[in-house]
Protein backbone atom coordinates (compact mmCIF):
# COMPACT_ATOMS: atom_id res chain seq x y z
CA ASN A 1 0.00 0.00 0.00
CA LYS A 2 2.82 2.37 0.87
CA GLU A 3 4.48 1.64 -2.45
CA THR A 4 1.20 2.28 -4.28
CA LEU A 5 0.67 5.57 -2.43
CA THR A 6 4.26 6.62 -3.09
CA SER A 7 3.96 5.83 -6.79
CA LYS A 8 0.74 7.85 -7.00
CA VAL A 9 2.39 10.84 -5.33
CA VAL A 10 5.37 10.56 -7.70
CA MET A 11 3.03 10.38 -10.70
CA GLU A 12 1.12 13.48 -9.55
CA LEU A 13 4.38 15.36 -8.99
CA GLU A 14 5.56 14.37 -12.47
CA LYS A 15 2.25 15.58 -13.96
CA THR A 16 2.54 18.87 -12.08
CA GLU A 17 6.13 19.28 -13.27
CA GLU A 18 5.06 18.62 -16.87
CA ILE A 19 2.23 21.18 -16.63
CA LEU A 20 4.58 23.83 -15.20
CA ARG A 21 7.19 23.08 -17.87
CA ASN A 22 4.59 23.45 -20.63
CA ARG A 23 3.34 26.73 -19.17
CA MET A 24 6.87 28.10 -19.00
CA LEU A 25 7.52 27.00 -22.58
CA LYS A 26 4.29 28.62 -23.76
CA SER A 27 5.19 31.81 -21.88
CA GLU A 28 8.62 31.91 -23.58
CA GLN A 29 7.03 31.31 -27.00
CA GLU A 30 4.48 34.09 -26.42
CA LYS A 31 7.29 36.41 -25.33
CA GLU A 32 9.28 35.62 -28.50
CA LYS A 33 6.15 36.09 -30.61
CA LEU A 34 5.48 39.48 -29.02
CA GLN A 35 9.08 40.60 -29.55
CA LYS A 36 8.91 39.52 -33.19
CA THR A 37 5.62 41.38 -33.72
CA ILE A 38 7.00 44.57 -32.13
CA SER A 39 10.11 44.31 -34.32
CA GLU A 40 7.97 43.88 -37.46
CA ILE A 41 5.75 46.83 -36.54
CA ALA A 42 8.78 49.05 -35.88
CA HIS A 43 10.30 48.07 -39.23
CA GLN A 44 7.09 48.67 -41.21
CA VAL A 45 6.27 52.00 -39.53
CA LYS A 46 9.79 53.39 -39.88
CA THR A 47 9.64 54.22 -43.61
CA PRO A 48 6.43 56.31 -43.72
CA LEU A 49 7.38 58.08 -40.50
CA SER A 50 10.82 58.96 -41.89
CA ASN A 51 9.24 60.28 -45.09
CA ILE A 52 6.74 62.41 -43.16
CA CYS A 53 9.51 63.92 -41.02
CA MET A 54 11.69 64.61 -44.07
CA TYR A 55 8.97 66.39 -46.07
CA HIS A 56 7.81 68.28 -42.98
CA ASP A 57 11.34 69.67 -42.59
CA MET A 58 11.39 70.61 -46.27
CA LEU A 59 8.11 72.49 -45.84
CA SER A 60 9.78 74.58 -43.13
CA ASP A 61 12.22 76.03 -45.67
CA PRO A 62 11.32 79.73 -46.03
CA ASP A 63 12.46 79.73 -49.68
CA ILE A 64 10.15 76.92 -50.76
CA SER A 65 7.83 77.71 -53.68
CA PHE A 66 4.04 77.38 -53.53
CA ASP A 67 4.05 74.50 -56.06
CA GLU A 68 6.73 72.62 -54.11
CA ALA A 69 4.84 73.11 -50.86
CA GLU A 70 1.65 71.72 -52.39
CA LYS A 71 3.56 68.74 -53.78
CA PHE A 72 5.15 67.99 -50.39
CA LYS A 73 1.78 68.29 -48.64
CA GLU A 74 0.32 65.76 -51.08
CA ILE A 75 3.20 63.35 -50.41
CA ILE A 76 2.77 63.74 -46.64
CA GLY A 77 -0.95 63.04 -47.04
CA ARG A 78 -0.22 59.80 -48.93
CA GLN A 79 2.30 58.72 -46.31
CA LEU A 80 -0.21 59.40 -43.52
CA GLU A 81 -2.79 57.26 -45.36
CA LYS A 82 -0.21 54.49 -45.69
CA LEU A 83 0.63 54.76 -42.00
CA GLU A 84 -3.05 54.62 -41.04
CA PHE A 85 -3.61 51.58 -43.26
CA LEU A 86 -0.51 49.89 -41.85
CA ILE A 87 -1.51 50.42 -38.22
CA ASP A 88 -5.08 49.30 -38.92
CA SER A 89 -3.80 46.11 -40.61
CA LEU A 90 -1.39 45.37 -37.76
CA ILE A 91 -4.15 45.83 -35.19
CA LYS A 92 -6.37 43.39 -37.08
CA SER A 93 -3.49 40.93 -37.35
CA SER A 94 -2.76 41.21 -33.63
CA ARG A 95 -6.43 40.74 -32.72
CA LEU A 96 -6.63 37.62 -34.88
CA GLU A 97 -3.52 36.09 -33.32
CA SER A 98 -4.63 36.83 -29.76
CA ASP A 99 -8.16 35.43 -30.35
CA MET A 100 -9.72 38.83 -29.61
CA ILE A 101 -11.96 38.76 -32.70
CA LYS A 102 -15.42 37.36 -32.04
CA LEU A 103 -17.06 36.05 -35.18
CA ASN A 104 -20.80 36.47 -35.66
CA MET A 105 -21.41 33.25 -37.59
CA GLY A 106 -24.66 32.54 -39.38
CA LYS A 107 -26.18 31.61 -42.73
CA VAL A 108 -25.68 34.66 -44.92
CA ASN A 109 -26.33 35.70 -48.51
CA ILE A 110 -23.06 35.44 -50.46
CA PHE A 111 -24.06 38.07 -53.02
CA HIS A 112 -24.42 40.59 -50.17
CA VAL A 113 -20.94 39.68 -48.86
CA LEU A 114 -19.46 40.16 -52.34
CA GLU A 115 -21.18 43.54 -52.71
CA LEU A 116 -19.49 44.74 -49.52
CA ALA A 117 -16.11 43.39 -50.67
CA VAL A 118 -16.34 44.94 -54.15
CA ASN A 119 -17.37 48.35 -52.80
CA ASP A 120 -13.90 48.79 -51.27
CA VAL A 121 -12.03 48.25 -54.56
CA VAL A 122 -14.39 49.31 -57.36
CA HIS A 123 -13.00 52.88 -57.50
CA LYS A 124 -9.42 51.58 -57.77
CA ALA A 125 -10.49 49.26 -60.59
CA ASP A 126 -12.27 52.13 -62.38
CA ARG A 127 -9.15 54.30 -62.22
CA LYS A 128 -7.22 51.52 -64.00
CA LYS A 129 -10.08 51.05 -66.50
CA MET A 130 -10.45 47.43 -65.42
CA GLU A 131 -13.47 45.21 -65.96
CA LEU A 132 -14.71 43.85 -62.60
CA SER A 133 -17.67 41.48 -62.77
CA ILE A 134 -19.56 39.12 -60.43
CA ARG A 135 -21.32 35.88 -61.28
CA CYS A 136 -23.30 34.75 -58.27
CA GLY A 137 -26.82 33.46 -57.78
CA GLN A 138 -28.96 35.81 -55.67
CA ASP A 139 -29.98 32.99 -53.33
CA MET A 140 -26.56 31.43 -52.64
CA THR A 141 -25.73 31.16 -48.94
CA ALA A 142 -22.87 30.04 -46.69
CA VAL A 143 -22.17 29.99 -42.97
CA CYS A 144 -19.77 32.82 -42.14
CA ASP A 145 -19.36 36.25 -40.58
CA VAL A 146 -20.52 38.93 -43.06
CA LYS A 147 -18.12 41.70 -42.05
CA TRP A 148 -14.94 39.63 -41.71
CA THR A 149 -15.61 37.51 -44.81
CA ALA A 150 -16.09 40.70 -46.85
CA GLU A 151 -12.79 41.92 -45.41
CA ALA A 152 -11.00 38.71 -46.46
CA ILE A 153 -12.41 38.72 -50.01
CA GLY A 154 -11.82 42.47 -50.26
CA ASN A 155 -8.11 41.93 -49.50
CA ILE A 156 -7.84 39.38 -52.32
CA LEU A 157 -9.64 41.73 -54.72
CA ASP A 158 -7.36 44.60 -53.69
CA ASN A 159 -4.33 42.49 -54.57
CA ALA A 160 -5.88 41.55 -57.90
CA VAL A 161 -6.37 45.23 -58.78
CA LYS A 162 -2.80 46.12 -57.69
CA TYR A 163 -1.05 43.42 -59.66
CA THR A 164 -3.14 43.53 -62.84
CA LEU A 165 -2.24 46.01 -65.57
CA ALA A 166 -4.63 48.79 -66.60
CA GLY A 167 -7.40 47.50 -68.85
CA GLY A 168 -7.26 44.02 -67.31
CA THR A 169 -10.13 41.91 -65.98
CA ILE A 170 -11.24 40.48 -62.63
CA LEU A 171 -14.04 37.95 -62.39
CA VAL A 172 -15.67 36.82 -59.15
CA SER A 173 -17.66 33.61 -59.65
CA VAL A 174 -19.48 31.43 -57.12
CA GLN A 175 -20.32 27.73 -57.20
CA SER A 176 -22.26 25.65 -54.71
CA TRP A 177 -20.53 22.39 -53.78
CA GLU A 178 -21.77 19.62 -51.50
CA LEU A 179 -19.98 20.81 -48.34
CA TYR A 180 -18.69 24.23 -49.37
CA VAL A 181 -19.50 27.34 -51.35
CA LYS A 182 -16.56 28.07 -53.65
CA ILE A 183 -15.76 31.70 -54.48
CA ASP A 184 -13.22 32.16 -57.29
CA ILE A 185 -11.45 35.51 -57.74
CA THR A 186 -9.75 35.32 -61.16
CA ASP A 187 -7.56 38.10 -62.55
CA SER A 188 -5.57 38.65 -65.75
CA GLY A 189 -2.55 39.85 -63.79
CA LYS A 190 1.13 38.96 -63.75
CA GLY A 191 0.67 35.56 -62.10
CA ILE A 192 2.64 33.91 -59.30
CA ALA A 193 5.50 31.43 -59.72
CA LYS A 194 4.63 27.97 -58.39
CA ASN A 195 7.49 27.91 -55.88
CA ARG A 196 6.17 31.13 -54.31
CA GLN A 197 2.48 30.27 -54.10
CA GLY A 198 2.83 28.89 -50.58
CA MET A 199 4.76 31.96 -49.39
CA ILE A 200 2.30 34.69 -50.41
CA PHE A 201 0.12 34.04 -47.34
CA LYS A 202 2.96 34.80 -44.92
CA ARG A 203 2.73 38.05 -43.02
CA PHE A 204 4.76 40.89 -44.61
CA TYR A 205 5.80 38.71 -47.56
CA ARG A 206 6.21 40.61 -50.82
CA GLU A 207 7.83 39.46 -54.04
CA LYS A 208 10.95 41.38 -55.08
CA GLU A 209 9.42 42.26 -58.46
CA VAL A 210 6.56 44.27 -56.89
CA HIS A 211 8.41 46.36 -54.31
CA ASP A 212 7.67 49.48 -56.36
CA ILE A 213 3.91 48.87 -55.99
CA GLU A 214 2.12 50.22 -52.91
CA GLY A 215 1.56 47.56 -50.26
CA ILE A 216 2.90 45.98 -47.06
CA GLY A 217 2.24 42.27 -47.59
CA ILE A 218 -0.37 41.63 -44.93
CA GLY A 219 -3.68 41.40 -46.85
CA LEU A 220 -3.46 37.76 -47.96
CA TYR A 221 -2.20 36.73 -44.52
CA LEU A 222 -5.28 38.29 -42.92
CA SER A 223 -7.57 36.72 -45.54
CA ARG A 224 -6.31 33.21 -44.86
CA GLU A 225 -6.53 33.65 -41.08
CA ILE A 226 -10.11 34.96 -41.28
CA ILE A 227 -11.34 32.21 -43.61
CA THR A 228 -9.59 29.46 -41.60
CA MET A 229 -11.19 30.70 -38.38
CA GLN A 230 -14.59 30.14 -40.00
CA GLY A 231 -13.92 26.52 -40.95
CA GLY A 232 -13.02 27.34 -44.55
CA TYR A 233 -9.81 27.47 -46.55
CA ILE A 234 -8.11 29.28 -49.45
CA LYS A 235 -6.08 27.90 -52.34
CA VAL A 236 -4.41 29.59 -55.29
CA THR A 237 -3.73 28.43 -58.85
CA SER A 238 -1.58 30.61 -61.06
CA THR A 239 0.76 30.70 -64.05
CA VAL A 240 3.32 33.44 -64.52
CA GLY A 241 2.06 35.83 -67.19
CA ASN A 242 -1.45 34.31 -67.27
CA GLY A 243 -3.09 35.63 -64.11
CA SER A 244 -4.22 33.96 -60.89
CA THR A 245 -7.31 32.41 -59.33
CA PHE A 246 -7.81 32.59 -55.57
CA SER A 247 -10.47 30.10 -54.45
CA VAL A 248 -12.21 30.73 -51.12
CA PHE A 249 -14.14 27.80 -49.66
CA LEU A 250 -16.81 28.55 -47.05
CA PRO A 251 -18.87 25.84 -45.30
CA HIS A 252 -22.55 25.41 -46.15
CA GLU A 253 -23.38 24.60 -42.52
């Protein structure tokens, strides 16, 4: 009996030790994650802040002309917009990773979700004289959160507009499968090399060839996180020079 009691005590102590070890490990991982996030934020914010400070100093020059001043003010305005967008994206990313976002799941009309998503990019597409069209039955439904799903699809559409030349096309088409609703976003853009298709969903990832195009590389990361949280998934098919198709799968129930 004494041996049995002793072995039970030892087992409980070993369990307790294992629990404490796991908690310490998790705490260290969370600390490293936080440090990495802070480092990424500092790196991303540095450029627009530096530009704002530089052009602000140039505006202080008493010999500056009216035209130059107006030009610098416009540049500062664009950098402030970029900074606002960056901070907003980082906040969303942080909320997703810390499970602070509460999804309001329910059976929703997919056409309504697509309308919300398209509204955020239609003006950008118009400026590039692009054809943006939707093929979706009015009665198609899926189980998701309206606001966050529109955000995820809107991010994919925004990328399609950015990386497709003026006069190009974007088609959003919806199909009803047995377990999922499939939403295809197809563009006539530059395409993505096969060996990079798995990397584009990483936070802050941007291809070297597009560094001259406005962006911070967080939109697709957010899209995948949002869709995954809802029991769905995203896949991409693409050929360099022949455009891309991002397929979003949302559960029926």
